[in-house]
C-alpha atoms as a PDB file:
ATOM      1  CA  UNK A   1       0.000   0.000   0.000  1.00  0.00           C
ATOM      2  CA  UNK A   2       1.237   3.495  -0.769  1.00  0.00           C
ATOM      3  CA  UNK A   3       1.330   6.233   1.775  1.00  0.00           C
ATOM      4  CA  UNK A   4      -1.875   7.434   3.365  1.00  0.00           C
ATOM      5  CA  UNK A   5      -3.082  10.877   2.329  1.00  0.00           C
ATOM      6  CA  UNK A   6      -6.337  12.771   2.570  1.00  0.00           C
ATOM      7  CA  UNK A   7      -8.155  15.988   3.258  1.00  0.00           C
ATOM      8  CA  UNK A   8     -11.280  17.589   4.596  1.00  0.00           C
ATOM      9  CA  UNK A   9     -14.148  18.515   2.262  1.00  0.00           C
ATOM     10  CA  UNK A  10     -12.919  22.082   1.643  1.00  0.00           C
ATOM     11  CA  UNK A  11      -9.291  20.885   1.400  1.00  0.00           C
ATOM     12  CA  UNK A  12      -8.093  23.432   3.979  1.00  0.00           C
ATOM     13  CA  UNK A  13      -6.584  20.521   5.908  1.00  0.00           C
ATOM     14  CA  UNK A  14      -4.415  17.890   4.247  1.00  0.00           C
ATOM     15  CA  UNK A  15      -2.676  15.025   5.979  1.00  0.00           C
ATOM     16  CA  UNK A  16      -0.274  12.251   5.117  1.00  0.00           C
ATOM     17  CA  UNK A  17       1.368   9.286   6.779  1.00  0.00           C
ATOM     18  CA  UNK A  18       3.949   6.796   5.577  1.00  0.00           C
ATOM     19  CA  UNK A  19       2.947   4.323   8.305  1.00  0.00           C
ATOM     20  CA  UNK A  20       1.195   1.075   7.548  1.00  0.00           C
ATOM     21  CA  UNK A  21      -2.321   0.909   9.010  1.00  0.00           C
ATOM     22  CA  UNK A  22      -2.497  -1.141  12.172  1.00  0.00           C
ATOM     23  CA  UNK A  23      -6.225  -1.703  11.809  1.00  0.00           C
ATOM     24  CA  UNK A  24      -9.298  -0.820   9.774  1.00  0.00           C
ATOM     25  CA  UNK A  25     -12.508  -1.008  11.775  1.00  0.00           C
ATOM     26  CA  UNK A  26     -16.180  -0.219  11.470  1.00  0.00           C
ATOM     27  CA  UNK A  27     -17.409   1.573  14.589  1.00  0.00           C
ATOM     28  CA  UNK A  28     -21.087   1.498  15.498  1.00  0.00           C
ATOM     29  CA  UNK A  29     -20.879   3.540  18.726  1.00  0.00           C
ATOM     30  CA  UNK A  30     -23.514   6.199  19.265  1.00  0.00           C
ATOM     31  CA  UNK A  31     -20.954   9.024  19.224  1.00  0.00           C
ATOM     32  CA  UNK A  32     -19.471   7.937  15.874  1.00  0.00           C
ATOM     33  CA  UNK A  33     -23.010   7.706  14.511  1.00  0.00           C
ATOM     34  CA  UNK A  34     -23.679  11.264  15.645  1.00  0.00           C
ATOM     35  CA  UNK A  35     -20.366  12.596  14.333  1.00  0.00           C
ATOM     36  CA  UNK A  36     -20.674  10.885  10.957  1.00  0.00           C
ATOM     37  CA  UNK A  37     -24.372  11.629  10.575  1.00  0.00           C
ATOM     38  CA  UNK A  38     -25.037   8.019   9.642  1.00  0.00           C
ATOM     39  CA  UNK A  39     -25.114   4.508  11.122  1.00  0.00           C
ATOM     40  CA  UNK A  40     -21.376   3.926  11.452  1.00  0.00           C
ATOM     41  CA  UNK A  41     -17.860   5.237  10.955  1.00  0.00           C
ATOM     42  CA  UNK A  42     -14.971   3.498   9.233  1.00  0.00           C
ATOM     43  CA  UNK A  43     -11.678   4.296  10.900  1.00  0.00           C
ATOM     44  CA  UNK A  44      -8.059   3.529  10.028  1.00  0.00           C
ATOM     45  CA  UNK A  45      -5.754   3.179  13.008  1.00  0.00           C
ATOM     46  CA  UNK A  46      -2.176   4.321  12.406  1.00  0.00           C
ATOM     47  CA  UNK A  47       0.655   4.766  14.913  1.00  0.00           C
ATOM     48  CA  UNK A  48       0.327   7.920  17.004  1.00  0.00           C
ATOM     49  CA  UNK A  49       2.680  10.600  15.765  1.00  0.00           C
ATOM     50  CA  UNK A  50       2.812   9.215  12.230  1.00  0.00           C
ATOM     51  CA  UNK A  51       0.441  11.783  10.685  1.00  0.00           C
ATOM     52  CA  UNK A  52       1.661  15.128   9.363  1.00  0.00           C
ATOM     53  CA  UNK A  53      -0.924  17.870   8.841  1.00  0.00           C
ATOM     54  CA  UNK A  54      -0.954  20.859   6.493  1.00  0.00           C
ATOM     55  CA  UNK A  55      -3.424  23.605   7.412  1.00  0.00           C
ATOM     56  CA  UNK A  56      -3.392  22.580  11.056  1.00  0.00           C
ATOM     57  CA  UNK A  57      -4.600  26.072  12.012  1.00  0.00           C
ATOM     58  CA  UNK A  58      -7.982  24.991  10.632  1.00  0.00           C
ATOM     59  CA  UNK A  59      -8.217  21.949  12.938  1.00  0.00           C
ATOM     60  CA  UNK A  60     -10.569  22.218  15.884  1.00  0.00           C
ATOM     61  CA  UNK A  61     -11.096  19.665  18.642  1.00  0.00           C
ATOM     62  CA  UNK A  62     -14.249  18.493  20.341  1.00  0.00           C
ATOM     63  CA  UNK A  63     -13.425  16.597  23.527  1.00  0.00           C
ATOM     64  CA  UNK A  64     -15.818  13.709  23.841  1.00  0.00           C
ATOM     65  CA  UNK A  65     -15.820  11.046  26.569  1.00  0.00           C
ATOM     66  CA  UNK A  66     -15.467   7.376  25.813  1.00  0.00           C
ATOM     67  CA  UNK A  67     -17.128   4.547  27.716  1.00  0.00           C
ATOM     68  CA  UNK A  68     -14.087   4.544  30.041  1.00  0.00           C
ATOM     69  CA  UNK A  69     -14.704   8.183  30.962  1.00  0.00           C
ATOM     70  CA  UNK A  70     -11.412   9.138  29.330  1.00  0.00           C
ATOM     71  CA  UNK A  71     -11.219  11.758  26.586  1.00  0.00           C
ATOM     72  CA  UNK A  72     -11.744  11.087  22.905  1.00  0.00           C
ATOM     73  CA  UNK A  73     -10.382  14.096  21.016  1.00  0.00           C
ATOM     74  CA  UNK A  74     -12.408  14.370  17.832  1.00  0.00           C
ATOM     75  CA  UNK A  75     -10.511  16.671  15.457  1.00  0.00           C
ATOM     76  CA  UNK A  76     -12.366  18.316  12.590  1.00  0.00           C
ATOM     77  CA  UNK A  77     -12.045  21.158  10.097  1.00  0.00           C
ATOM     78  CA  UNK A  78     -13.438  24.347  11.571  1.00  0.00           C
ATOM     79  CA  UNK A  79     -14.190  25.676   8.063  1.00  0.00           C
ATOM     80  CA  UNK A  80     -16.225  22.798   6.570  1.00  0.00           C
ATOM     81  CA  UNK A  81     -16.893  20.588   9.610  1.00  0.00           C
ATOM     82  CA  UNK A  82     -15.364  17.392   8.183  1.00  0.00           C
ATOM     83  CA  UNK A  83     -14.264  14.964  10.908  1.00  0.00           C
ATOM     84  CA  UNK A  84     -10.595  14.104  10.252  1.00  0.00           C
ATOM     85  CA  UNK A  85      -9.168  12.031  13.134  1.00  0.00           C
ATOM     86  CA  UNK A  86      -9.999  10.792  16.607  1.00  0.00           C
ATOM     87  CA  UNK A  87      -7.415  10.508  19.344  1.00  0.00           C
ATOM     88  CA  UNK A  88      -8.603   8.033  21.962  1.00  0.00           C
ATOM     89  CA  UNK A  89      -6.805   8.403  25.287  1.00  0.00           C
ATOM     90  CA  UNK A  90      -7.502   4.735  26.130  1.00  0.00           C
ATOM     91  CA  UNK A  91      -5.468   3.777  23.023  1.00  0.00           C
ATOM     92  CA  UNK A  92      -2.493   6.165  23.170  1.00  0.00           C
ATOM     93  CA  UNK A  93      -0.454   4.269  20.560  1.00  0.00           C
ATOM     94  CA  UNK A  94      -2.994   4.888  17.769  1.00  0.00           C
ATOM     95  CA  UNK A  95      -4.656   7.759  15.983  1.00  0.00           C
ATOM     96  CA  UNK A  96      -7.838   6.989  14.054  1.00  0.00           C
ATOM     97  CA  UNK A  97      -8.292   8.531  10.608  1.00  0.00           C
ATOM     98  CA  UNK A  98     -11.866   8.919   9.391  1.00  0.00           C
ATOM     99  CA  UNK A  99     -11.726   6.770   6.251  1.00  0.00           C
ATOM    100  CA  UNK A 100     -14.044   8.993   4.233  1.00  0.00           C
ATOM    101  CA  UNK A 101     -11.344  11.682   4.170  1.00  0.00           C
ATOM    102  CA  UNK A 102      -8.781   9.458   2.411  1.00  0.00           C
ATOM    103  CA  UNK A 103      -7.816  10.376  -1.150  1.00  0.00           C
ATOM    104  CA  UNK A 104      -7.664   6.691  -2.103  1.00  0.00           C
ATOM    105  CA  UNK A 105     -10.250   4.482  -0.412  1.00  0.00           C
ATOM    106  CA  UNK A 106      -9.917   1.544  -2.804  1.00  0.00           C
ATOM    107  CA  UNK A 107      -7.634  -0.420  -0.468  1.00  0.00           C
ATOM    108  CA  UNK A 108      -9.898  -0.242   2.600  1.00  0.00           C
ATOM    109  CA  UNK A 109     -10.815  -3.653   3.973  1.00  0.00           C
ATOM    110  CA  UNK A 110     -12.285  -3.492   7.468  1.00  0.00           C
ATOM    111  CA  UNK A 111     -11.170  -6.403   9.612  1.00  0.00           C
ATOM    112  CA  UNK A 112     -13.486  -5.842  12.566  1.00  0.00           C
ATOM    113  CA  UNK A 113     -16.694  -4.248  13.770  1.00  0.00           C
ATOM    114  CA  UNK A 114     -16.704  -2.556  17.181  1.00  0.00           C
ATOM    115  CA  UNK A 115     -19.541  -1.344  19.376  1.00  0.00           C
ATOM    116  CA  UNK A 116     -21.873  -3.853  17.736  1.00  0.00           C
ATOM    117  CA  UNK A 117     -24.276  -3.607  20.678  1.00  0.00           C
ATOM    118  CA  UNK A 118     -25.264  -0.141  19.434  1.00  0.00           C
ATOM    119  CA  UNK A 119     -25.334  -1.027  15.720  1.00  0.00           C
ATOM    120  CA  UNK A 120     -28.510  -0.060  13.921  1.00  0.00           C
ATOM    121  CA  UNK A 121     -30.756  -3.117  13.521  1.00  0.00           C
ATOM    122  CA  UNK A 122     -30.840  -2.731   9.728  1.00  0.00           C
ATOM    123  CA  UNK A 123     -27.023  -2.843   9.404  1.00  0.00           C
ATOM    124  CA  UNK A 124     -25.875  -6.292   8.326  1.00  0.00           C
ATOM    125  CA  UNK A 125     -22.532  -7.303   9.916  1.00  0.00           C
ATOM    126  CA  UNK A 126     -20.974 -10.264   8.088  1.00  0.00           C
ATOM    127  CA  UNK A 127     -20.928 -13.333  10.335  1.00  0.00           C
ATOM    128  CA  UNK A 128     -17.322 -14.154   9.393  1.00  0.00           C
ATOM    129  CA  UNK A 129     -16.124 -10.687  10.504  1.00  0.00           C
ATOM    130  CA  UNK A 130     -14.510 -10.201  13.916  1.00  0.00           C
ATOM    131  CA  UNK A 131     -16.984  -8.316  16.073  1.00  0.00           C
ATOM    132  CA  UNK A 132     -16.949  -6.821  19.556  1.00  0.00           C
ATOM    133  CA  UNK A 133     -19.956  -5.708  21.618  1.00  0.00           C
ATOM    134  CA  UNK A 134     -17.933  -2.617  22.657  1.00  0.00           C
ATOM    135  CA  UNK A 135     -14.221  -1.874  22.300  1.00  0.00           C
ATOM    136  CA  UNK A 136     -11.770  -4.743  21.734  1.00  0.00           C
ATOM    137  CA  UNK A 137      -9.932  -6.070  24.741  1.00  0.00           C
END
Protein backbone atom coordinates (compact mmCIF):
# COMPACT_ATOMS: atom_id res chain seq x y z
CA UNK A 1 0.00 0.00 0.00
CA UNK A 2 1.24 3.49 -0.77
CA UNK A 3 1.33 6.23 1.77
CA UNK A 4 -1.87 7.43 3.37
CA UNK A 5 -3.08 10.88 2.33
CA UNK A 6 -6.34 12.77 2.57
CA UNK A 7 -8.15 15.99 3.26
CA UNK A 8 -11.28 17.59 4.60
CA UNK A 9 -14.15 18.51 2.26
CA UNK A 10 -12.92 22.08 1.64
CA UNK A 11 -9.29 20.89 1.40
CA UNK A 12 -8.09 23.43 3.98
CA UNK A 13 -6.58 20.52 5.91
CA UNK A 14 -4.41 17.89 4.25
CA UNK A 15 -2.68 15.03 5.98
CA UNK A 16 -0.27 12.25 5.12
CA UNK A 17 1.37 9.29 6.78
CA UNK A 18 3.95 6.80 5.58
CA UNK A 19 2.95 4.32 8.30
CA UNK A 20 1.20 1.08 7.55
CA UNK A 21 -2.32 0.91 9.01
CA UNK A 22 -2.50 -1.14 12.17
CA UNK A 23 -6.23 -1.70 11.81
CA UNK A 24 -9.30 -0.82 9.77
CA UNK A 25 -12.51 -1.01 11.77
CA UNK A 26 -16.18 -0.22 11.47
CA UNK A 27 -17.41 1.57 14.59
CA UNK A 28 -21.09 1.50 15.50
CA UNK A 29 -20.88 3.54 18.73
CA UNK A 30 -23.51 6.20 19.26
CA UNK A 31 -20.95 9.02 19.22
CA UNK A 32 -19.47 7.94 15.87
CA UNK A 33 -23.01 7.71 14.51
CA UNK A 34 -23.68 11.26 15.64
CA UNK A 35 -20.37 12.60 14.33
CA UNK A 36 -20.67 10.88 10.96
CA UNK A 37 -24.37 11.63 10.58
CA UNK A 38 -25.04 8.02 9.64
CA UNK A 39 -25.11 4.51 11.12
CA UNK A 40 -21.38 3.93 11.45
CA UNK A 41 -17.86 5.24 10.95
CA UNK A 42 -14.97 3.50 9.23
CA UNK A 43 -11.68 4.30 10.90
CA UNK A 44 -8.06 3.53 10.03
CA UNK A 45 -5.75 3.18 13.01
CA UNK A 46 -2.18 4.32 12.41
CA UNK A 47 0.65 4.77 14.91
CA UNK A 48 0.33 7.92 17.00
CA UNK A 49 2.68 10.60 15.77
CA UNK A 50 2.81 9.21 12.23
CA UNK A 51 0.44 11.78 10.68
CA UNK A 52 1.66 15.13 9.36
CA UNK A 53 -0.92 17.87 8.84
CA UNK A 54 -0.95 20.86 6.49
CA UNK A 55 -3.42 23.60 7.41
CA UNK A 56 -3.39 22.58 11.06
CA UNK A 57 -4.60 26.07 12.01
CA UNK A 58 -7.98 24.99 10.63
CA UNK A 59 -8.22 21.95 12.94
CA UNK A 60 -10.57 22.22 15.88
CA UNK A 61 -11.10 19.67 18.64
CA UNK A 62 -14.25 18.49 20.34
CA UNK A 63 -13.42 16.60 23.53
CA UNK A 64 -15.82 13.71 23.84
CA UNK A 65 -15.82 11.05 26.57
CA UNK A 66 -15.47 7.38 25.81
CA UNK A 67 -17.13 4.55 27.72
CA UNK A 68 -14.09 4.54 30.04
CA UNK A 69 -14.70 8.18 30.96
CA UNK A 70 -11.41 9.14 29.33
CA UNK A 71 -11.22 11.76 26.59
CA UNK A 72 -11.74 11.09 22.90
CA UNK A 73 -10.38 14.10 21.02
CA UNK A 74 -12.41 14.37 17.83
CA UNK A 75 -10.51 16.67 15.46
CA UNK A 76 -12.37 18.32 12.59
CA UNK A 77 -12.04 21.16 10.10
CA UNK A 78 -13.44 24.35 11.57
CA UNK A 79 -14.19 25.68 8.06
CA UNK A 80 -16.23 22.80 6.57
CA UNK A 81 -16.89 20.59 9.61
CA UNK A 82 -15.36 17.39 8.18
CA UNK A 83 -14.26 14.96 10.91
CA UNK A 84 -10.60 14.10 10.25
CA UNK A 85 -9.17 12.03 13.13
CA UNK A 86 -10.00 10.79 16.61
CA UNK A 87 -7.41 10.51 19.34
CA UNK A 88 -8.60 8.03 21.96
CA UNK A 89 -6.80 8.40 25.29
CA UNK A 90 -7.50 4.74 26.13
CA UNK A 91 -5.47 3.78 23.02
CA UNK A 92 -2.49 6.17 23.17
CA UNK A 93 -0.45 4.27 20.56
CA UNK A 94 -2.99 4.89 17.77
CA UNK A 95 -4.66 7.76 15.98
CA UNK A 96 -7.84 6.99 14.05
CA UNK A 97 -8.29 8.53 10.61
CA UNK A 98 -11.87 8.92 9.39
CA UNK A 99 -11.73 6.77 6.25
CA UNK A 100 -14.04 8.99 4.23
CA UNK A 101 -11.34 11.68 4.17
CA UNK A 102 -8.78 9.46 2.41
CA UNK A 103 -7.82 10.38 -1.15
CA UNK A 104 -7.66 6.69 -2.10
CA UNK A 105 -10.25 4.48 -0.41
CA UNK A 106 -9.92 1.54 -2.80
CA UNK A 107 -7.63 -0.42 -0.47
CA UNK A 108 -9.90 -0.24 2.60
CA UNK A 109 -10.82 -3.65 3.97
CA UNK A 110 -12.28 -3.49 7.47
CA UNK A 111 -11.17 -6.40 9.61
CA UNK A 112 -13.49 -5.84 12.57
CA UNK A 113 -16.69 -4.25 13.77
CA UNK A 114 -16.70 -2.56 17.18
CA UNK A 115 -19.54 -1.34 19.38
CA UNK A 116 -21.87 -3.85 17.74
CA UNK A 117 -24.28 -3.61 20.68
CA UNK A 118 -25.26 -0.14 19.43
CA UNK A 119 -25.33 -1.03 15.72
CA UNK A 120 -28.51 -0.06 13.92
CA UNK A 121 -30.76 -3.12 13.52
CA UNK A 122 -30.84 -2.73 9.73
CA UNK A 123 -27.02 -2.84 9.40
CA UNK A 124 -25.88 -6.29 8.33
CA UNK A 125 -22.53 -7.30 9.92
CA UNK A 126 -20.97 -10.26 8.09
CA UNK A 127 -20.93 -13.33 10.33
CA UNK A 128 -17.32 -14.15 9.39
CA UNK A 129 -16.12 -10.69 10.50
CA UNK A 130 -14.51 -10.20 13.92
CA UNK A 131 -16.98 -8.32 16.07
CA UNK A 132 -16.95 -6.82 19.56
CA UNK A 133 -19.96 -5.71 21.62
CA UNK A 134 -17.93 -2.62 22.66
CA UNK A 135 -14.22 -1.87 22.30
CA UNK A 136 -11.77 -4.74 21.73
CA UNK A 137 -9.93 -6.07 24.74
